[in-house]
Amino acid sequence: MKITRIYTGDDNRSHLEDIEVPLHDHDLGRLSEIVGAEGLIFRETGEDYFLDYHNAPRKQFVANLTGVVEVETGDGSRKRLGPGTIIYAEDTTGQGHISRGIEGPRNSLFILVPDDYDVTTLGR
């Protein structure tokens, strides 16, 4: 399983990176380790959704349920993310990223994690 990470680099710009989530065999299927969460937000945006450069308000996973969003980072990279994709937004400083609705409406879940959570340690 993959997630798309949005993070701030040493250049103070946002960047994209795909991270493989390690899964382990279990009676219930293949599971990841437990990630502690602090809250959950349900969100719906329209098809014409556009948010110019902005920072993630906190470290959070965003699970896309319906619709498609295009994310553009400060380094010029663009990625379209549709239903079933998961974003990990942690660019809480720097230039931030752009979000634009491509197909909508878009329904998503924001899963809030502690400020000290480090997604790059998944499975380590």
PDB file of N, CA and C in Angstrom:
ATOM      1  N   MET A   1       0.847  -1.165   0.000  1.00  0.00           N
ATOM      2  CA  MET A   1       0.000   0.000   0.000  1.00  0.00           C
ATOM      3  C   MET A   1       0.896   1.233   0.000  1.00  0.00           C
ATOM      4  N   LYS A   2       0.506   2.220  -0.807  1.00  0.00           N
ATOM      5  CA  LYS A   2       1.310   3.445  -0.909  1.00  0.00           C
ATOM      6  C   LYS A   2       0.532   4.651  -0.407  1.00  0.00           C
ATOM      7  N   ILE A   3       1.292   5.607   0.116  1.00  0.00           N
ATOM      8  CA  ILE A   3       0.743   6.914   0.431  1.00  0.00           C
ATOM      9  C   ILE A   3       1.624   7.955  -0.252  1.00  0.00           C
ATOM     10  N   THR A   4       1.045   9.106  -0.552  1.00  0.00           N
ATOM     11  CA  THR A   4       1.790  10.214  -1.130  1.00  0.00           C
ATOM     12  C   THR A   4       2.066  11.227  -0.035  1.00  0.00           C
ATOM     13  N   ARG A   5       3.322  11.469   0.209  1.00  0.00           N
ATOM     14  CA  ARG A   5       3.758  12.405   1.253  1.00  0.00           C
ATOM     15  C   ARG A   5       4.010  13.773   0.636  1.00  0.00           C
ATOM     16  N   ILE A   6       3.478  14.815   1.256  1.00  0.00           N
ATOM     17  CA  ILE A   6       3.778  16.203   0.894  1.00  0.00           C
ATOM     18  C   ILE A   6       4.574  16.779   2.053  1.00  0.00           C
ATOM     19  N   TYR A   7       5.800  17.176   1.772  1.00  0.00           N
ATOM     20  CA  TYR A   7       6.675  17.651   2.847  1.00  0.00           C
ATOM     21  C   TYR A   7       7.447  18.884   2.400  1.00  0.00           C
ATOM     22  N   THR A   8       8.000  19.613   3.364  1.00  0.00           N
ATOM     23  CA  THR A   8       8.822  20.786   3.091  1.00  0.00           C
ATOM     24  C   THR A   8      10.282  20.367   3.073  1.00  0.00           C
ATOM     25  N   GLY A   9      10.979  20.671   1.976  1.00  0.00           N
ATOM     26  CA  GLY A   9      12.397  20.340   1.850  1.00  0.00           C
ATOM     27  C   GLY A   9      13.287  21.431   2.414  1.00  0.00           C
ATOM     28  N   ASP A  10      14.579  21.192   2.342  1.00  0.00           N
ATOM     29  CA  ASP A  10      15.561  22.165   2.822  1.00  0.00           C
ATOM     30  C   ASP A  10      15.496  23.485   2.043  1.00  0.00           C
ATOM     31  N   ASP A  11      14.902  23.444   0.840  1.00  0.00           N
ATOM     32  CA  ASP A  11      14.759  24.643   0.016  1.00  0.00           C
ATOM     33  C   ASP A  11      13.524  25.468   0.382  1.00  0.00           C
ATOM     34  N   ASN A  12      12.789  25.063   1.440  1.00  0.00           N
ATOM     35  CA  ASN A  12      11.592  25.745   1.920  1.00  0.00           C
ATOM     36  C   ASN A  12      10.411  25.604   0.958  1.00  0.00           C
ATOM     37  N   ARG A  13      10.496  24.660   0.029  1.00  0.00           N
ATOM     38  CA  ARG A  13       9.412  24.372  -0.907  1.00  0.00           C
ATOM     39  C   ARG A  13       8.835  22.998  -0.596  1.00  0.00           C
ATOM     40  N   SER A  14       7.599  22.812  -1.004  1.00  0.00           N
ATOM     41  CA  SER A  14       6.976  21.511  -0.795  1.00  0.00           C
ATOM     42  C   SER A  14       7.379  20.554  -1.914  1.00  0.00           C
ATOM     43  N   HIS A  15       7.389  19.271  -1.577  1.00  0.00           N
ATOM     44  CA  HIS A  15       7.772  18.202  -2.503  1.00  0.00           C
ATOM     45  C   HIS A  15       6.842  17.011  -2.299  1.00  0.00           C
ATOM     46  N   LEU A  16       6.785  16.137  -3.301  1.00  0.00           N
ATOM     47  CA  LEU A  16       6.001  14.906  -3.233  1.00  0.00           C
ATOM     48  C   LEU A  16       6.930  13.707  -3.149  1.00  0.00           C
ATOM     49  N   GLU A  17       6.492  12.698  -2.423  1.00  0.00           N
ATOM     50  CA  GLU A  17       7.242  11.459  -2.308  1.00  0.00           C
ATOM     51  C   GLU A  17       6.245  10.333  -2.052  1.00  0.00           C
ATOM     52  N   ASP A  18       6.392   9.231  -2.776  1.00  0.00           N
ATOM     53  CA  ASP A  18       5.565   8.059  -2.502  1.00  0.00           C
ATOM     54  C   ASP A  18       6.267   7.199  -1.464  1.00  0.00           C
ATOM     55  N   ILE A  19       5.499   6.765  -0.477  1.00  0.00           N
ATOM     56  CA  ILE A  19       6.018   5.916   0.589  1.00  0.00           C
ATOM     57  C   ILE A  19       5.228   4.614   0.587  1.00  0.00           C
ATOM     58  N   GLU A  20       5.936   3.515   0.637  1.00  0.00           N
ATOM     59  CA  GLU A  20       5.303   2.202   0.741  1.00  0.00           C
ATOM     60  C   GLU A  20       5.031   1.916   2.218  1.00  0.00           C
ATOM     61  N   VAL A  21       3.799   1.591   2.529  1.00  0.00           N
ATOM     62  CA  VAL A  21       3.431   1.246   3.901  1.00  0.00           C
ATOM     63  C   VAL A  21       3.643  -0.247   4.086  1.00  0.00           C
ATOM     64  N   PRO A  22       4.531  -0.637   4.987  1.00  0.00           N
ATOM     65  CA  PRO A  22       4.754  -2.068   5.215  1.00  0.00           C
ATOM     66  C   PRO A  22       3.516  -2.720   5.826  1.00  0.00           C
ATOM     67  N   LEU A  23       3.121  -3.846   5.253  1.00  0.00           N
ATOM     68  CA  LEU A  23       1.985  -4.611   5.762  1.00  0.00           C
ATOM     69  C   LEU A  23       2.480  -5.980   6.198  1.00  0.00           C
ATOM     70  N   HIS A  24       1.861  -6.505   7.240  1.00  0.00           N
ATOM     71  CA  HIS A  24       2.273  -7.786   7.802  1.00  0.00           C
ATOM     72  C   HIS A  24       1.084  -8.740   7.800  1.00  0.00           C
ATOM     73  N   ASP A  25       1.360 -10.021   7.544  1.00  0.00           N
ATOM     74  CA  ASP A  25       0.303 -11.025   7.538  1.00  0.00           C
ATOM     75  C   ASP A  25      -0.364 -11.115   8.898  1.00  0.00           C
ATOM     76  N   HIS A  26      -1.685 -11.240   8.857  1.00  0.00           N
ATOM     77  CA  HIS A  26      -2.484 -11.311  10.075  1.00  0.00           C
ATOM     78  C   HIS A  26      -3.725 -12.142   9.745  1.00  0.00           C
ATOM     79  N   ASP A  27      -4.401 -12.652  10.740  1.00  0.00           N
ATOM     80  CA  ASP A  27      -5.636 -13.412  10.516  1.00  0.00           C
ATOM     81  C   ASP A  27      -6.680 -12.592   9.763  1.00  0.00           C
ATOM     82  N   LEU A  28      -6.632 -11.286   9.922  1.00  0.00           N
ATOM     83  CA  LEU A  28      -7.604 -10.390   9.289  1.00  0.00           C
ATOM     84  C   LEU A  28      -7.164  -9.905   7.915  1.00  0.00           C
ATOM     85  N   GLY A  29      -6.046 -10.375   7.418  1.00  0.00           N
ATOM     86  CA  GLY A  29      -5.481  -9.913   6.143  1.00  0.00           C
ATOM     87  C   GLY A  29      -4.090  -9.376   6.386  1.00  0.00           C
ATOM     88  N   ARG A  30      -3.697  -8.398   5.604  1.00  0.00           N
ATOM     89  CA  ARG A  30      -2.388  -7.762   5.786  1.00  0.00           C
ATOM     90  C   ARG A  30      -2.615  -6.412   6.447  1.00  0.00           C
ATOM     91  N   LEU A  31      -1.950  -6.181   7.572  1.00  0.00           N
ATOM     92  CA  LEU A  31      -2.152  -4.968   8.366  1.00  0.00           C
ATOM     93  C   LEU A  31      -0.850  -4.211   8.552  1.00  0.00           C
ATOM     94  N   SER A  32      -0.964  -2.892   8.687  1.00  0.00           N
ATOM     95  CA  SER A  32       0.191  -2.066   9.056  1.00  0.00           C
ATOM     96  C   SER A  32       0.294  -2.044  10.574  1.00  0.00           C
ATOM     97  N   GLU A  33       1.342  -1.390  11.054  1.00  0.00           N
ATOM     98  CA  GLU A  33       1.424  -1.129  12.487  1.00  0.00           C
ATOM     99  C   GLU A  33       0.358  -0.097  12.838  1.00  0.00           C
ATOM    100  N   ILE A  34       0.052   0.028  14.107  1.00  0.00           N
ATOM    101  CA  ILE A  34      -0.934   1.014  14.555  1.00  0.00           C
ATOM    102  C   ILE A  34      -0.315   2.408  14.493  1.00  0.00           C
ATOM    103  N   VAL A  35      -1.057   3.339  13.923  1.00  0.00           N
ATOM    104  CA  VAL A  35      -0.664   4.747  13.906  1.00  0.00           C
ATOM    105  C   VAL A  35      -1.622   5.476  14.835  1.00  0.00           C
ATOM    106  N   GLY A  36      -1.089   6.088  15.869  1.00  0.00           N
ATOM    107  CA  GLY A  36      -1.937   6.816  16.821  1.00  0.00           C
ATOM    108  C   GLY A  36      -2.507   8.075  16.185  1.00  0.00           C
ATOM    109  N   ALA A  37      -3.809   8.259  16.323  1.00  0.00           N
ATOM    110  CA  ALA A  37      -4.478   9.426  15.757  1.00  0.00           C
ATOM    111  C   ALA A  37      -5.049  10.282  16.881  1.00  0.00           C
ATOM    112  N   GLU A  38      -5.205  11.574  16.582  1.00  0.00           N
ATOM    113  CA  GLU A  38      -5.749  12.510  17.565  1.00  0.00           C
ATOM    114  C   GLU A  38      -7.150  12.984  17.231  1.00  0.00           C
ATOM    115  N   GLY A  39      -7.603  12.704  16.043  1.00  0.00           N
ATOM    116  CA  GLY A  39      -8.932  13.164  15.660  1.00  0.00           C
ATOM    117  C   GLY A  39      -9.233  12.828  14.212  1.00  0.00           C
ATOM    118  N   LEU A  40     -10.466  13.099  13.814  1.00  0.00           N
ATOM    119  CA  LEU A  40     -10.938  12.787  12.474  1.00  0.00           C
ATOM    120  C   LEU A  40     -11.854  13.921  12.021  1.00  0.00           C
ATOM    121  N   ILE A  41     -11.655  14.368  10.783  1.00  0.00           N
ATOM    122  CA  ILE A  41     -12.504  15.403  10.202  1.00  0.00           C
ATOM    123  C   ILE A  41     -13.093  14.853   8.907  1.00  0.00           C
ATOM    124  N   PHE A  42     -14.398  14.999   8.729  1.00  0.00           N
ATOM    125  CA  PHE A  42     -15.065  14.649   7.485  1.00  0.00           C
ATOM    126  C   PHE A  42     -15.120  15.913   6.636  1.00  0.00           C
ATOM    127  N   ARG A  43     -14.840  15.781   5.324  1.00  0.00           N
ATOM    128  CA  ARG A  43     -14.793  16.986   4.483  1.00  0.00           C
ATOM    129  C   ARG A  43     -15.423  16.727   3.128  1.00  0.00           C
ATOM    130  N   GLU A  44     -16.132  17.740   2.628  1.00  0.00           N
ATOM    131  CA  GLU A  44     -16.663  17.705   1.275  1.00  0.00           C
ATOM    132  C   GLU A  44     -16.308  19.024   0.603  1.00  0.00           C
ATOM    133  N   THR A  45     -15.770  18.945  -0.607  1.00  0.00           N
ATOM    134  CA  THR A  45     -15.470  20.146  -1.396  1.00  0.00           C
ATOM    135  C   THR A  45     -16.129  19.997  -2.757  1.00  0.00           C
ATOM    136  N   GLY A  46     -16.436  21.123  -3.376  1.00  0.00           N
ATOM    137  CA  GLY A  46     -17.085  21.109  -4.682  1.00  0.00           C
ATOM    138  C   GLY A  46     -16.108  20.841  -5.808  1.00  0.00           C
ATOM    139  N   GLU A  47     -16.651  20.650  -6.987  1.00  0.00           N
ATOM    140  CA  GLU A  47     -15.842  20.366  -8.169  1.00  0.00           C
ATOM    141  C   GLU A  47     -14.929  21.535  -8.521  1.00  0.00           C
ATOM    142  N   ASP A  48     -15.349  22.750  -8.193  1.00  0.00           N
ATOM    143  CA  ASP A  48     -14.569  23.944  -8.539  1.00  0.00           C
ATOM    144  C   ASP A  48     -13.603  24.349  -7.429  1.00  0.00           C
ATOM    145  N   TYR A  49     -13.341  23.454  -6.494  1.00  0.00           N
ATOM    146  CA  TYR A  49     -12.456  23.723  -5.364  1.00  0.00           C
ATOM    147  C   TYR A  49     -11.066  24.138  -5.841  1.00  0.00           C
ATOM    148  N   PHE A  50     -10.553  25.244  -5.301  1.00  0.00           N
ATOM    149  CA  PHE A  50      -9.187  25.692  -5.588  1.00  0.00           C
ATOM    150  C   PHE A  50      -8.651  26.398  -4.353  1.00  0.00           C
ATOM    151  N   LEU A  51      -7.513  25.938  -3.901  1.00  0.00           N
ATOM    152  CA  LEU A  51      -6.855  26.587  -2.772  1.00  0.00           C
ATOM    153  C   LEU A  51      -5.415  26.840  -3.182  1.00  0.00           C
ATOM    154  N   ASP A  52      -5.073  28.120  -3.373  1.00  0.00           N
ATOM    155  CA  ASP A  52      -3.730  28.507  -3.795  1.00  0.00           C
ATOM    156  C   ASP A  52      -2.718  28.094  -2.725  1.00  0.00           C
ATOM    157  N   TYR A  53      -1.459  28.409  -2.945  1.00  0.00           N
ATOM    158  CA  TYR A  53      -0.410  27.947  -2.028  1.00  0.00           C
ATOM    159  C   TYR A  53      -0.824  28.111  -0.571  1.00  0.00           C
ATOM    160  N   HIS A  54      -0.782  27.012   0.139  1.00  0.00           N
ATOM    161  CA  HIS A  54      -1.138  26.980   1.553  1.00  0.00           C
ATOM    162  C   HIS A  54      -0.366  25.855   2.223  1.00  0.00           C
ATOM    163  N   ASN A  55      -0.217  25.966   3.506  1.00  0.00           N
ATOM    164  CA  ASN A  55       0.427  24.914   4.288  1.00  0.00           C
ATOM    165  C   ASN A  55      -0.628  23.991   4.871  1.00  0.00           C
ATOM    166  N   ALA A  56      -0.238  22.755   5.122  1.00  0.00           N
ATOM    167  CA  ALA A  56      -1.097  21.866   5.892  1.00  0.00           C
ATOM    168  C   ALA A  56      -1.243  22.490   7.282  1.00  0.00           C
ATOM    169  N   PRO A  57      -2.445  22.538   7.835  1.00  0.00           N
ATOM    170  CA  PRO A  57      -2.636  23.172   9.142  1.00  0.00           C
ATOM    171  C   PRO A  57      -2.038  22.357  10.296  1.00  0.00           C
ATOM    172  N   ARG A  58      -1.775  21.074  10.017  1.00  0.00           N
ATOM    173  CA  ARG A  58      -1.203  20.148  11.001  1.00  0.00           C
ATOM    174  C   ARG A  58      -0.761  18.905  10.224  1.00  0.00           C
ATOM    175  N   LYS A  59      -0.022  18.036  10.852  1.00  0.00           N
ATOM    176  CA  LYS A  59       0.304  16.763  10.220  1.00  0.00           C
ATOM    177  C   LYS A  59      -0.969  15.921  10.176  1.00  0.00           C
ATOM    178  N   GLN A  60      -1.263  15.400   8.968  1.00  0.00           N
ATOM    179  CA  GLN A  60      -2.507  14.650   8.820  1.00  0.00           C
ATOM    180  C   GLN A  60      -2.481  13.756   7.597  1.00  0.00           C
ATOM    181  N   PHE A  61      -3.162  12.638   7.725  1.00  0.00           N
ATOM    182  CA  PHE A  61      -3.442  11.793   6.575  1.00  0.00           C
ATOM    183  C   PHE A  61      -4.741  12.295   5.966  1.00  0.00           C
ATOM    184  N   VAL A  62      -4.832  12.254   4.636  1.00  0.00           N
ATOM    185  CA  VAL A  62      -6.068  12.604   3.940  1.00  0.00           C
ATOM    186  C   VAL A  62      -6.427  11.415   3.062  1.00  0.00           C
ATOM    187  N   ALA A  63      -7.544  10.779   3.375  1.00  0.00           N
ATOM    188  CA  ALA A  63      -8.014   9.629   2.594  1.00  0.00           C
ATOM    189  C   ALA A  63      -9.100  10.121   1.647  1.00  0.00           C
ATOM    190  N   ASN A  64      -8.846  10.004   0.351  1.00  0.00           N
ATOM    191  CA  ASN A  64      -9.818  10.433  -0.653  1.00  0.00           C
ATOM    192  C   ASN A  64     -10.850   9.332  -0.866  1.00  0.00           C
ATOM    193  N   LEU A  65     -12.116   9.684  -0.713  1.00  0.00           N
ATOM    194  CA  LEU A  65     -13.201   8.722  -0.864  1.00  0.00           C
ATOM    195  C   LEU A  65     -13.873   8.842  -2.221  1.00  0.00           C
ATOM    196  N   THR A  66     -14.154  10.070  -2.652  1.00  0.00           N
ATOM    197  CA  THR A  66     -14.751  10.324  -3.961  1.00  0.00           C
ATOM    198  C   THR A  66     -14.093  11.560  -4.564  1.00  0.00           C
ATOM    199  N   GLY A  67     -14.223  11.712  -5.877  1.00  0.00           N
ATOM    200  CA  GLY A  67     -13.674  12.876  -6.551  1.00  0.00           C
ATOM    201  C   GLY A  67     -12.173  12.751  -6.768  1.00  0.00           C
ATOM    202  N   VAL A  68     -11.634  13.735  -7.482  1.00  0.00           N
ATOM    203  CA  VAL A  68     -10.203  13.761  -7.790  1.00  0.00           C
ATOM    204  C   VAL A  68      -9.664  15.145  -7.458  1.00  0.00           C
ATOM    205  N   VAL A  69      -8.508  15.188  -6.803  1.00  0.00           N
ATOM    206  CA  VAL A  69      -7.825  16.434  -6.498  1.00  0.00           C
ATOM    207  C   VAL A  69      -6.457  16.397  -7.165  1.00  0.00           C
ATOM    208  N   GLU A  70      -6.018  17.544  -7.651  1.00  0.00           N
ATOM    209  CA  GLU A  70      -4.649  17.664  -8.143  1.00  0.00           C
ATOM    210  C   GLU A  70      -3.876  18.498  -7.131  1.00  0.00           C
ATOM    211  N   VAL A  71      -2.745  17.972  -6.719  1.00  0.00           N
ATOM    212  CA  VAL A  71      -1.865  18.670  -5.793  1.00  0.00           C
ATOM    213  C   VAL A  71      -0.646  19.142  -6.573  1.00  0.00           C
ATOM    214  N   GLU A  72      -0.292  20.401  -6.411  1.00  0.00           N
ATOM    215  CA  GLU A  72       0.908  20.967  -7.039  1.00  0.00           C
ATOM    216  C   GLU A  72       1.819  21.467  -5.938  1.00  0.00           C
ATOM    217  N   THR A  73       3.056  21.048  -5.976  1.00  0.00           N
ATOM    218  CA  THR A  73       3.999  21.422  -4.920  1.00  0.00           C
ATOM    219  C   THR A  73       4.895  22.564  -5.376  1.00  0.00           C
ATOM    220  N   GLY A  74       5.625  23.114  -4.436  1.00  0.00           N
ATOM    221  CA  GLY A  74       6.499  24.257  -4.694  1.00  0.00           C
ATOM    222  C   GLY A  74       7.601  23.976  -5.692  1.00  0.00           C
ATOM    223  N   ASP A  75       7.958  22.707  -5.875  1.00  0.00           N
ATOM    224  CA  ASP A  75       8.989  22.366  -6.855  1.00  0.00           C
ATOM    225  C   ASP A  75       8.408  22.183  -8.259  1.00  0.00           C
ATOM    226  N   GLY A  76       7.079  22.434  -8.424  1.00  0.00           N
ATOM    227  CA  GLY A  76       6.433  22.341  -9.726  1.00  0.00           C
ATOM    228  C   GLY A  76       5.833  20.983 -10.040  1.00  0.00           C
ATOM    229  N   SER A  77       6.028  19.993  -9.174  1.00  0.00           N
ATOM    230  CA  SER A  77       5.447  18.669  -9.396  1.00  0.00           C
ATOM    231  C   SER A  77       3.935  18.726  -9.218  1.00  0.00           C
ATOM    232  N   ARG A  78       3.225  17.908 -10.013  1.00  0.00           N
ATOM    233  CA  ARG A  78       1.774  17.797  -9.909  1.00  0.00           C
ATOM    234  C   ARG A  78       1.396  16.330  -9.852  1.00  0.00           C
ATOM    235  N   LYS A  79       0.370  16.038  -9.064  1.00  0.00           N
ATOM    236  CA  LYS A  79      -0.112  14.661  -8.983  1.00  0.00           C
ATOM    237  C   LYS A  79      -1.614  14.678  -8.769  1.00  0.00           C
ATOM    238  N   ARG A  80      -2.323  13.849  -9.546  1.00  0.00           N
ATOM    239  CA  ARG A  80      -3.763  13.693  -9.373  1.00  0.00           C
ATOM    240  C   ARG A  80      -4.024  12.508  -8.459  1.00  0.00           C
ATOM    241  N   LEU A  81      -4.908  12.727  -7.494  1.00  0.00           N
ATOM    242  CA  LEU A  81      -5.200  11.719  -6.492  1.00  0.00           C
ATOM    243  C   LEU A  81      -6.705  11.489  -6.451  1.00  0.00           C
ATOM    244  N   GLY A  82      -7.110  10.266  -6.738  1.00  0.00           N
ATOM    245  CA  GLY A  82      -8.527   9.930  -6.812  1.00  0.00           C
ATOM    246  C   GLY A  82      -8.994   9.082  -5.659  1.00  0.00           C
ATOM    247  N   PRO A  83     -10.177   8.484  -5.802  1.00  0.00           N
ATOM    248  CA  PRO A  83     -10.746   7.654  -4.746  1.00  0.00           C
ATOM    249  C   PRO A  83      -9.798   6.523  -4.346  1.00  0.00           C
ATOM    250  N   GLY A  84      -9.674   6.332  -3.051  1.00  0.00           N
ATOM    251  CA  GLY A  84      -8.822   5.263  -2.539  1.00  0.00           C
ATOM    252  C   GLY A  84      -7.381   5.669  -2.306  1.00  0.00           C
ATOM    253  N   THR A  85      -6.996   6.875  -2.682  1.00  0.00           N
ATOM    254  CA  THR A  85      -5.618   7.309  -2.455  1.00  0.00           C
ATOM    255  C   THR A  85      -5.502   7.972  -1.091  1.00  0.00           C
ATOM    256  N   ILE A  86      -4.295   7.928  -0.552  1.00  0.00           N
ATOM    257  CA  ILE A  86      -4.033   8.506   0.761  1.00  0.00           C
ATOM    258  C   ILE A  86      -2.860   9.467   0.643  1.00  0.00           C
ATOM    259  N   ILE A  87      -3.048  10.654   1.172  1.00  0.00           N
ATOM    260  CA  ILE A  87      -2.015  11.685   1.210  1.00  0.00           C
ATOM    261  C   ILE A  87      -1.562  11.820   2.658  1.00  0.00           C
ATOM    262  N   TYR A  88      -0.275  12.039   2.863  1.00  0.00           N
ATOM    263  CA  TYR A  88       0.201  12.434   4.187  1.00  0.00           C
ATOM    264  C   TYR A  88       0.743  13.842   4.036  1.00  0.00           C
ATOM    265  N   ALA A  89       0.010  14.823   4.567  1.00  0.00           N
ATOM    266  CA  ALA A  89       0.395  16.230   4.447  1.00  0.00           C
ATOM    267  C   ALA A  89       1.137  16.659   5.702  1.00  0.00           C
ATOM    268  N   GLU A  90       2.388  17.066   5.507  1.00  0.00           N
ATOM    269  CA  GLU A  90       3.179  17.545   6.641  1.00  0.00           C
ATOM    270  C   GLU A  90       3.965  18.801   6.285  1.00  0.00           C
ATOM    271  N   ASP A  91       3.583  19.480   5.208  1.00  0.00           N
ATOM    272  CA  ASP A  91       4.261  20.730   4.841  1.00  0.00           C
ATOM    273  C   ASP A  91       3.639  21.892   5.611  1.00  0.00           C
ATOM    274  N   THR A  92       3.833  21.866   6.923  1.00  0.00           N
ATOM    275  CA  THR A  92       3.245  22.868   7.810  1.00  0.00           C
ATOM    276  C   THR A  92       4.023  24.187   7.822  1.00  0.00           C
ATOM    277  N   THR A  93       5.177  24.197   7.161  1.00  0.00           N
ATOM    278  CA  THR A  93       5.994  25.407   7.034  1.00  0.00           C
ATOM    279  C   THR A  93       6.388  25.560   5.570  1.00  0.00           C
ATOM    280  N   GLY A  94       6.997  26.680   5.245  1.00  0.00           N
ATOM    281  CA  GLY A  94       7.488  26.899   3.883  1.00  0.00           C
ATOM    282  C   GLY A  94       6.398  27.396   2.948  1.00  0.00           C
ATOM    283  N   GLN A  95       6.648  27.216   1.656  1.00  0.00           N
ATOM    284  CA  GLN A  95       5.776  27.736   0.613  1.00  0.00           C
ATOM    285  C   GLN A  95       4.409  27.056   0.578  1.00  0.00           C
ATOM    286  N   GLY A  96       4.337  25.796   0.915  1.00  0.00           N
ATOM    287  CA  GLY A  96       3.080  25.073   0.872  1.00  0.00           C
ATOM    288  C   GLY A  96       2.798  24.479  -0.497  1.00  0.00           C
ATOM    289  N   HIS A  97       1.545  24.104  -0.715  1.00  0.00           N
ATOM    290  CA  HIS A  97       1.134  23.431  -1.951  1.00  0.00           C
ATOM    291  C   HIS A  97      -0.205  23.995  -2.417  1.00  0.00           C
ATOM    292  N   ILE A  98      -0.556  23.701  -3.657  1.00  0.00           N
ATOM    293  CA  ILE A  98      -1.840  24.089  -4.251  1.00  0.00           C
ATOM    294  C   ILE A  98      -2.713  22.846  -4.317  1.00  0.00           C
ATOM    295  N   SER A  99      -4.010  23.000  -4.028  1.00  0.00           N
ATOM    296  CA  SER A  99      -4.980  21.919  -4.193  1.00  0.00           C
ATOM    297  C   SER A  99      -6.081  22.408  -5.117  1.00  0.00           C
ATOM    298  N   ARG A 100      -6.422  21.592  -6.123  1.00  0.00           N
ATOM    299  CA  ARG A 100      -7.511  21.972  -7.023  1.00  0.00           C
ATOM    300  C   ARG A 100      -8.369  20.757  -7.339  1.00  0.00           C
ATOM    301  N   GLY A 101      -9.681  20.965  -7.280  1.00  0.00           N
ATOM    302  CA  GLY A 101     -10.620  19.915  -7.636  1.00  0.00           C
ATOM    303  C   GLY A 101     -10.603  19.665  -9.128  1.00  0.00           C
ATOM    304  N   ILE A 102     -10.554  18.407  -9.519  1.00  0.00           N
ATOM    305  CA  ILE A 102     -10.557  18.034 -10.938  1.00  0.00           C
ATOM    306  C   ILE A 102     -11.893  17.388 -11.295  1.00  0.00           C
ATOM    307  N   GLU A 103     -12.330  16.463 -10.470  1.00  0.00           N
ATOM    308  CA  GLU A 103     -13.640  15.834 -10.599  1.00  0.00           C
ATOM    309  C   GLU A 103     -14.270  15.864  -9.225  1.00  0.00           C
ATOM    310  N   GLY A 104     -15.495  16.252  -9.165  1.00  0.00           N
ATOM    311  CA  GLY A 104     -16.077  16.381  -7.841  1.00  0.00           C
ATOM    312  C   GLY A 104     -17.546  16.078  -7.845  1.00  0.00           C
ATOM    313  N   PRO A 105     -18.175  16.276  -6.704  1.00  0.00           N
ATOM    314  CA  PRO A 105     -17.578  16.759  -5.469  1.00  0.00           C
ATOM    315  C   PRO A 105     -16.611  15.734  -4.877  1.00  0.00           C
ATOM    316  N   ARG A 106     -15.781  16.212  -3.991  1.00  0.00           N
ATOM    317  CA  ARG A 106     -14.776  15.351  -3.376  1.00  0.00           C
ATOM    318  C   ARG A 106     -15.112  15.168  -1.902  1.00  0.00           C
ATOM    319  N   ASN A 107     -15.166  13.924  -1.488  1.00  0.00           N
ATOM    320  CA  ASN A 107     -15.338  13.589  -0.078  1.00  0.00           C
ATOM    321  C   ASN A 107     -14.041  12.981   0.415  1.00  0.00           C
ATOM    322  N   SER A 108     -13.627  13.407   1.603  1.00  0.00           N
ATOM    323  CA  SER A 108     -12.375  12.896   2.152  1.00  0.00           C
ATOM    324  C   SER A 108     -12.429  12.874   3.673  1.00  0.00           C
ATOM    325  N   LEU A 109     -11.508  12.115   4.246  1.00  0.00           N
ATOM    326  CA  LEU A 109     -11.333  12.048   5.691  1.00  0.00           C
ATOM    327  C   LEU A 109      -9.963  12.587   6.029  1.00  0.00           C
ATOM    328  N   PHE A 110      -9.894  13.474   6.996  1.00  0.00           N
ATOM    329  CA  PHE A 110      -8.624  13.963   7.522  1.00  0.00           C
ATOM    330  C   PHE A 110      -8.384  13.237   8.837  1.00  0.00           C
ATOM    331  N   ILE A 111      -7.277  12.549   8.944  1.00  0.00           N
ATOM    332  CA  ILE A 111      -6.925  11.803  10.147  1.00  0.00           C
ATOM    333  C   ILE A 111      -5.733  12.510  10.775  1.00  0.00           C
ATOM    334  N   LEU A 112      -5.963  13.164  11.893  1.00  0.00           N
ATOM    335  CA  LEU A 112      -4.962  14.010  12.537  1.00  0.00           C
ATOM    336  C   LEU A 112      -4.020  13.166  13.384  1.00  0.00           C
ATOM    337  N   VAL A 113      -2.726  13.461  13.269  1.00  0.00           N
ATOM    338  CA  VAL A 113      -1.716  12.731  14.034  1.00  0.00           C
ATOM    339  C   VAL A 113      -0.937  13.717  14.907  1.00  0.00           C
ATOM    340  N   PRO A 114      -0.239  13.205  15.922  1.00  0.00           N
ATOM    341  CA  PRO A 114       0.534  14.096  16.801  1.00  0.00           C
ATOM    342  C   PRO A 114       1.606  14.868  16.038  1.00  0.00           C
ATOM    343  N   ASP A 115       1.957  16.050  16.537  1.00  0.00           N
ATOM    344  CA  ASP A 115       2.969  16.905  15.902  1.00  0.00           C
ATOM    345  C   ASP A 115       4.310  16.207  15.744  1.00  0.00           C
ATOM    346  N   ASP A 116       4.634  15.291  16.652  1.00  0.00           N
ATOM    347  CA  ASP A 116       5.936  14.621  16.588  1.00  0.00           C
ATOM    348  C   ASP A 116       5.929  13.327  15.775  1.00  0.00           C
ATOM    349  N   TYR A 117       4.796  13.019  15.099  1.00  0.00           N
ATOM    350  CA  TYR A 117       4.732  11.804  14.294  1.00  0.00           C
ATOM    351  C   TYR A 117       5.640  11.921  13.078  1.00  0.00           C
ATOM    352  N   ASP A 118       6.373  10.865  12.777  1.00  0.00           N
ATOM    353  CA  ASP A 118       7.290  10.829  11.632  1.00  0.00           C
ATOM    354  C   ASP A 118       6.897   9.667  10.729  1.00  0.00           C
ATOM    355  N   VAL A 119       6.236   9.973   9.624  1.00  0.00           N
ATOM    356  CA  VAL A 119       5.742   8.939   8.717  1.00  0.00           C
ATOM    357  C   VAL A 119       6.875   8.119   8.101  1.00  0.00           C
ATOM    358  N   THR A 120       8.064   8.676   8.025  1.00  0.00           N
ATOM    359  CA  THR A 120       9.180   7.942   7.408  1.00  0.00           C
ATOM    360  C   THR A 120       9.667   6.776   8.270  1.00  0.00           C
ATOM    361  N   THR A 121       9.156   6.681   9.502  1.00  0.00           N
ATOM    362  CA  THR A 121       9.547   5.563  10.360  1.00  0.00           C
ATOM    363  C   THR A 121       8.569   4.394  10.290  1.00  0.00           C
ATOM    364  N   LEU A 122       7.559   4.488   9.443  1.00  0.00           N
ATOM    365  CA  LEU A 122       6.585   3.396   9.310  1.00  0.00           C
ATOM    366  C   LEU A 122       7.316   2.078   9.046  1.00  0.00           C
ATOM    367  N   GLY A 123       7.062   1.116   9.867  1.00  0.00           N
ATOM    368  CA  GLY A 123       7.630  -0.204   9.666  1.00  0.00           C
ATOM    369  C   GLY A 123       9.062  -0.375  10.125  1.00  0.00           C
ATOM    370  N   ARG A 124       9.646   0.644  10.690  1.00  0.00           N
ATOM    371  CA  ARG A 124      11.040   0.527  11.160  1.00  0.00           C
ATOM    372  C   ARG A 124      11.093   0.102  12.600  1.00  0.00           C
TER     373      ARG A 124
END
